[in-house]
Amino acid sequence: MPQNITQGYKALMAKAEAEVASVTATEARELAKGDDVVIVDIRDVRELERDGRIPGSFHAPRGMLEFWVDPESPYHKPIFAEDKMFIIHCASGWRSLLASATLQSMGLTPVRNLKGGFAAWKEAGGPVEALPARK
C-alpha cells in the first residue's frame, strides 16, 4: 500500500516559520558577541569537516538534538540548561528551522533560527574555522 503523505516539508517549514523567530547572519554575528548566546551547529560531522564551522559554536548533531536538550535524557548536555539564547543553524536554514520549532515546543527559550544557515553566515563575511584533521 503506498504512503499517503498529508503534509510535506514545505507545509512543515511554513508552520515553523510562523512560530519561530529567525535572525539574519549579520544579526547573529552581533548577538554572538555576548556571553548570553550559544550558536548551535546541527550539521552532520562530515559537513563540519568539509566546510568548517563558526568559531565557538557548539556542535549538536540533528539526530541527537532533542535528547541532548532534555534534562531527563541520559544524553543531556548541560549547555542546554544554561540561561542563554540559542541560535540554531544548519547549512541552508531548512533543518535548523524545523529543529528550532521542535526545541521551542520542548520549552527551550529563547531559540532563534539562523536564516540561510551557514551559507548565509559565510556570505555575510562571518568568520569560519577549519576543524583539525582526524587521525
Protein backbone atom coordinates (compact mmCIF):
# COMPACT_ATOMS: atom_id res chain seq x y z
CA MET A 1 0.00 0.00 0.00
CA PRO A 2 1.52 3.37 -0.97
CA GLN A 3 2.14 6.03 1.63
CA ASN A 4 -0.24 8.96 1.89
CA ILE A 5 1.88 11.94 2.89
CA THR A 6 -0.60 14.55 4.11
CA GLN A 7 1.88 17.29 4.99
CA GLY A 8 5.06 17.87 3.03
CA TYR A 9 8.24 19.65 4.01
CA LYS A 10 7.01 22.98 2.59
CA ALA A 11 3.99 22.94 4.90
CA LEU A 12 6.15 21.93 7.87
CA MET A 13 8.56 24.76 7.14
CA ALA A 14 5.77 27.31 6.68
CA LYS A 15 4.31 26.31 10.06
CA ALA A 16 7.74 26.52 11.70
CA GLU A 17 8.46 29.87 10.09
CA ALA A 18 5.23 31.26 11.59
CA GLU A 19 6.22 30.01 15.06
CA VAL A 20 9.98 30.59 15.25
CA ALA A 21 11.90 33.84 15.23
CA SER A 22 14.79 33.94 12.81
CA VAL A 23 17.87 36.12 12.75
CA THR A 24 19.99 37.15 9.82
CA ALA A 25 23.67 36.30 9.69
CA THR A 26 24.51 39.93 10.45
CA GLU A 27 22.23 39.89 13.50
CA ALA A 28 23.68 36.56 14.63
CA ARG A 29 27.22 37.95 14.40
CA GLU A 30 26.26 40.84 16.67
CA LEU A 31 24.35 38.63 19.12
CA ALA A 32 27.24 36.15 19.27
CA LYS A 33 29.48 38.85 20.74
CA GLY A 34 27.59 38.49 24.02
CA ASP A 35 28.16 35.85 26.67
CA ASP A 36 24.46 35.04 26.73
CA VAL A 37 24.29 33.41 23.27
CA VAL A 38 25.15 29.90 22.09
CA ILE A 39 25.36 29.18 18.38
CA VAL A 40 24.34 25.55 17.86
CA ASP A 41 25.50 23.80 14.69
CA ILE A 42 23.25 20.85 13.86
CA ARG A 43 25.02 19.82 10.64
CA ASP A 44 26.43 16.36 10.14
CA VAL A 45 30.06 15.98 11.24
CA ARG A 46 31.06 15.42 7.60
CA GLU A 47 29.72 18.88 6.76
CA LEU A 48 31.79 20.42 9.55
CA GLU A 49 34.91 18.61 8.38
CA ARG A 50 34.36 19.66 4.78
CA ASP A 51 33.19 23.26 5.25
CA GLY A 52 34.45 24.36 8.68
CA ARG A 53 32.39 25.88 11.46
CA ILE A 54 31.50 29.11 13.18
CA PRO A 55 34.19 29.74 15.81
CA GLY A 56 32.91 28.97 19.29
CA SER A 57 29.79 27.21 18.06
CA PHE A 58 28.51 24.10 19.80
CA HIS A 59 28.00 21.03 17.63
CA ALA A 60 24.82 19.08 18.36
CA PRO A 61 24.02 16.64 15.56
CA ARG A 62 20.42 16.92 14.39
CA GLY A 63 19.77 13.27 15.21
CA MET A 64 20.64 13.76 18.90
CA LEU A 65 19.35 17.28 19.47
CA GLU A 66 16.15 16.52 21.39
CA PHE A 67 17.99 14.01 23.59
CA TRP A 68 20.77 16.48 24.36
CA VAL A 69 18.28 19.23 25.26
CA ASP A 70 16.01 17.21 27.55
CA PRO A 71 17.39 17.24 31.13
CA GLU A 72 15.69 13.88 31.79
CA SER A 73 17.55 12.21 28.95
CA PRO A 74 20.65 10.15 29.74
CA TYR A 75 22.28 12.05 26.84
CA HIS A 76 21.52 15.56 28.20
CA LYS A 77 24.22 18.19 27.65
CA PRO A 78 24.42 20.82 30.41
CA ILE A 79 24.94 23.66 27.92
CA PHE A 80 21.23 23.43 27.08
CA ALA A 81 20.29 24.09 30.72
CA GLU A 82 22.05 27.46 30.69
CA ASP A 83 20.09 30.71 30.69
CA LYS A 84 21.11 31.73 27.19
CA MET A 85 19.73 32.39 23.74
CA PHE A 86 20.26 29.51 21.33
CA ILE A 87 20.81 30.31 17.66
CA ILE A 88 20.36 27.12 15.68
CA HIS A 89 21.91 26.65 12.26
CA CYS A 90 22.46 24.07 9.55
CA ALA A 91 23.82 24.51 6.04
CA SER A 92 20.95 26.47 4.50
CA GLY A 93 18.44 27.08 7.29
CA TRP A 94 15.89 24.37 6.50
CA ARG A 95 16.87 21.72 9.04
CA SER A 96 17.55 24.38 11.66
CA LEU A 97 14.13 25.95 11.14
CA LEU A 98 12.40 22.63 11.82
CA ALA A 99 14.77 21.88 14.70
CA SER A 100 14.17 25.33 16.21
CA ALA A 101 10.41 24.73 16.16
CA THR A 102 10.89 21.40 17.91
CA LEU A 103 13.18 22.88 20.57
CA GLN A 104 10.80 25.75 21.15
CA SER A 105 7.92 23.27 21.57
CA MET A 106 10.06 21.43 24.14
CA GLY A 107 10.31 24.65 26.17
CA LEU A 108 13.83 25.79 25.29
CA THR A 109 13.80 29.59 25.12
CA PRO A 110 14.81 31.78 23.57
CA VAL A 111 15.54 29.93 20.33
CA ARG A 112 16.36 31.61 17.04
CA ASN A 113 16.90 30.12 13.61
CA LEU A 114 19.83 31.40 11.57
CA LYS A 115 18.07 32.33 8.33
CA GLY A 116 20.05 30.97 5.39
CA GLY A 117 22.24 28.89 7.70
CA PHE A 118 26.00 28.50 7.43
CA ALA A 119 25.91 29.60 3.78
CA ALA A 120 24.42 32.96 4.78
CA TRP A 121 26.96 33.28 7.59
CA LYS A 122 29.85 32.85 5.15
CA GLU A 123 28.24 35.14 2.57
CA ALA A 124 27.91 37.87 5.23
CA GLY A 125 31.65 37.61 5.94
CA GLY A 126 31.28 35.71 9.20
CA PRO A 127 34.44 34.01 10.44
CA VAL A 128 34.89 30.32 9.72
CA GLU A 129 37.39 27.95 11.28
CA ALA A 130 38.58 24.65 9.88
CA LEU A 131 38.33 21.58 12.02
CA PRO A 132 41.56 19.77 12.78
CA ALA A 133 42.08 16.73 10.56
CA ARG A 134 41.00 13.46 12.14
CA LYS A 135 43.73 10.92 12.66
